[in-house]
Protein backbone atom coordinates (compact mmCIF):
# COMPACT_ATOMS: atom_id res chain seq x y z
CA MET A 1 -107.96 -190.31 -37.49
CA THR A 2 -109.87 -193.19 -39.10
CA ALA A 3 -113.86 -192.58 -38.17
CA ASP A 4 -117.22 -193.21 -39.05
CA TYR A 5 -118.53 -189.81 -40.38
CA SER A 6 -121.84 -190.22 -39.46
CA THR A 7 -121.01 -190.42 -35.70
CA LEU A 8 -117.65 -188.12 -35.77
CA SER A 9 -118.07 -185.55 -33.03
CA ALA A 10 -116.30 -182.35 -32.21
CA GLU A 11 -114.69 -184.12 -28.98
CA PRO A 12 -111.62 -185.88 -30.92
CA PHE A 13 -110.59 -182.45 -32.30
CA ILE A 14 -110.35 -180.58 -29.02
CA PRO A 15 -106.90 -181.76 -28.10
CA HIS A 16 -105.62 -180.71 -31.54
CA ILE A 17 -106.64 -177.07 -31.25
CA GLY A 18 -103.46 -174.93 -31.74
CA GLN A 19 -102.06 -177.79 -34.00
CA THR A 20 -101.01 -177.70 -37.55
CA PHE A 21 -103.23 -179.70 -39.98
CA ARG A 22 -102.45 -180.01 -43.74
CA PHE A 23 -105.21 -179.40 -46.76
CA LEU A 24 -104.41 -181.80 -49.44
CA ALA A 25 -105.65 -182.28 -52.84
CA PRO A 26 -107.63 -185.18 -53.13
CA GLU A 27 -106.79 -186.50 -56.42
CA ASP A 28 -102.96 -186.79 -55.58
CA ARG A 29 -102.51 -185.71 -51.98
CA SER A 30 -100.27 -182.64 -52.83
CA LEU A 31 -100.11 -179.98 -50.42
CA ILE A 32 -102.54 -176.96 -50.72
CA ALA A 33 -102.12 -175.63 -47.33
CA GLU A 34 -100.68 -175.62 -43.72
CA VAL A 35 -103.26 -174.65 -41.39
CA GLU A 36 -103.76 -174.18 -37.66
CA LEU A 37 -106.94 -175.54 -36.04
CA THR A 38 -108.17 -172.79 -33.95
CA VAL A 39 -111.63 -173.25 -33.27
CA VAL A 40 -113.89 -176.47 -32.29
CA ILE A 41 -117.60 -175.92 -31.48
CA GLU A 42 -120.62 -177.83 -31.58
CA ARG A 43 -123.47 -176.38 -33.51
CA PRO A 44 -126.68 -178.30 -32.15
CA GLU A 45 -129.00 -175.80 -34.29
CA PHE A 46 -127.51 -177.23 -37.34
CA THR A 47 -127.97 -180.97 -36.25
CA PRO A 48 -130.53 -182.74 -38.22
CA ARG A 49 -133.28 -184.85 -36.35
CA TRP A 50 -131.94 -188.04 -37.74
CA ALA A 51 -128.56 -187.57 -37.33
CA LYS A 52 -126.31 -189.84 -34.91
CA ARG A 53 -124.31 -186.93 -33.75
CA THR A 54 -124.18 -183.45 -32.86
CA SER A 55 -123.03 -180.99 -35.84
CA PHE A 56 -119.89 -179.42 -35.34
CA ALA A 57 -117.76 -176.74 -37.11
CA LEU A 58 -113.96 -176.82 -37.20
CA THR A 59 -112.04 -173.25 -38.10
CA PHE A 60 -108.57 -173.39 -39.55
CA GLU A 61 -106.58 -170.27 -39.85
CA THR A 62 -103.04 -169.35 -41.85
CA PRO A 63 -100.88 -166.71 -41.65
CA GLY A 64 -101.13 -164.01 -44.74
CA GLU A 65 -102.94 -164.67 -47.88
CA SER A 66 -102.75 -168.26 -48.68
CA GLY A 67 -104.60 -168.15 -52.12
CA VAL A 68 -107.18 -170.76 -50.78
CA GLY A 69 -110.44 -170.71 -51.63
CA ASN A 70 -113.52 -172.81 -51.15
CA GLY A 71 -113.11 -176.53 -52.06
CA ASN A 72 -112.71 -180.35 -51.51
CA TYR A 73 -109.82 -181.01 -49.60
CA LEU A 74 -108.27 -183.89 -47.21
CA ILE A 75 -107.72 -182.87 -44.20
CA ASP A 76 -104.27 -184.27 -42.60
CA HIS A 77 -102.92 -184.38 -39.34
CA PRO A 78 -99.30 -185.81 -38.22
CA THR A 79 -100.66 -188.07 -35.77
CA GLU A 80 -104.11 -188.55 -36.25
CA GLY A 81 -103.84 -189.22 -40.35
CA THR A 82 -105.82 -188.11 -43.26
CA MET A 83 -109.55 -187.62 -43.52
CA GLY A 84 -112.11 -186.67 -45.95
CA PRO A 85 -112.38 -185.11 -48.66
CA PHE A 86 -114.38 -182.38 -47.20
CA PHE A 87 -115.73 -179.34 -48.48
CA VAL A 88 -113.99 -176.26 -46.50
CA VAL A 89 -115.36 -172.87 -46.81
CA ARG A 90 -113.12 -169.67 -46.80
CA SER A 91 -114.83 -167.43 -44.12
CA ILE A 92 -114.07 -163.94 -42.81
CA PRO A 93 -111.25 -164.11 -40.07
CA ARG A 94 -111.01 -162.63 -36.96
CA ASP A 95 -107.66 -161.19 -37.77
CA PRO A 96 -107.09 -159.37 -40.92
CA ALA A 97 -103.78 -160.78 -41.21
CA ARG A 98 -104.67 -164.57 -41.28
CA ALA A 99 -106.77 -166.37 -43.83
CA CYS A 100 -109.82 -168.34 -42.15
CA PHE A 101 -111.39 -171.50 -43.39
CA GLU A 102 -114.37 -173.55 -42.07
CA LEU A 103 -115.68 -177.13 -41.95
CA VAL A 104 -119.14 -177.79 -40.95
CA MET A 105 -120.20 -181.33 -40.08
CA ASN A 106 -123.76 -181.45 -40.32
């Protein structure tokens, strides 16, 4: 997904809910983790007044303990390509048997 991040919206991600993405190391593009995109939500309350788009959040999950923490990762999708790097935060999972990560685009 080639995108202008200043205008990138939640919309292009919605068709990919339930699909596998990969977190890659920005330095060498090595695989950090395979994750599933589970939630795409607009967050207008976090949108700066000067922004060209509405803020949104992407939630990714993976089964079990991934060992992945907060960090800067490239986000890769098989058909949309590689984006980033973005700062991804480990968050509290809805299901304790899964690891959960959030990317917020303010």
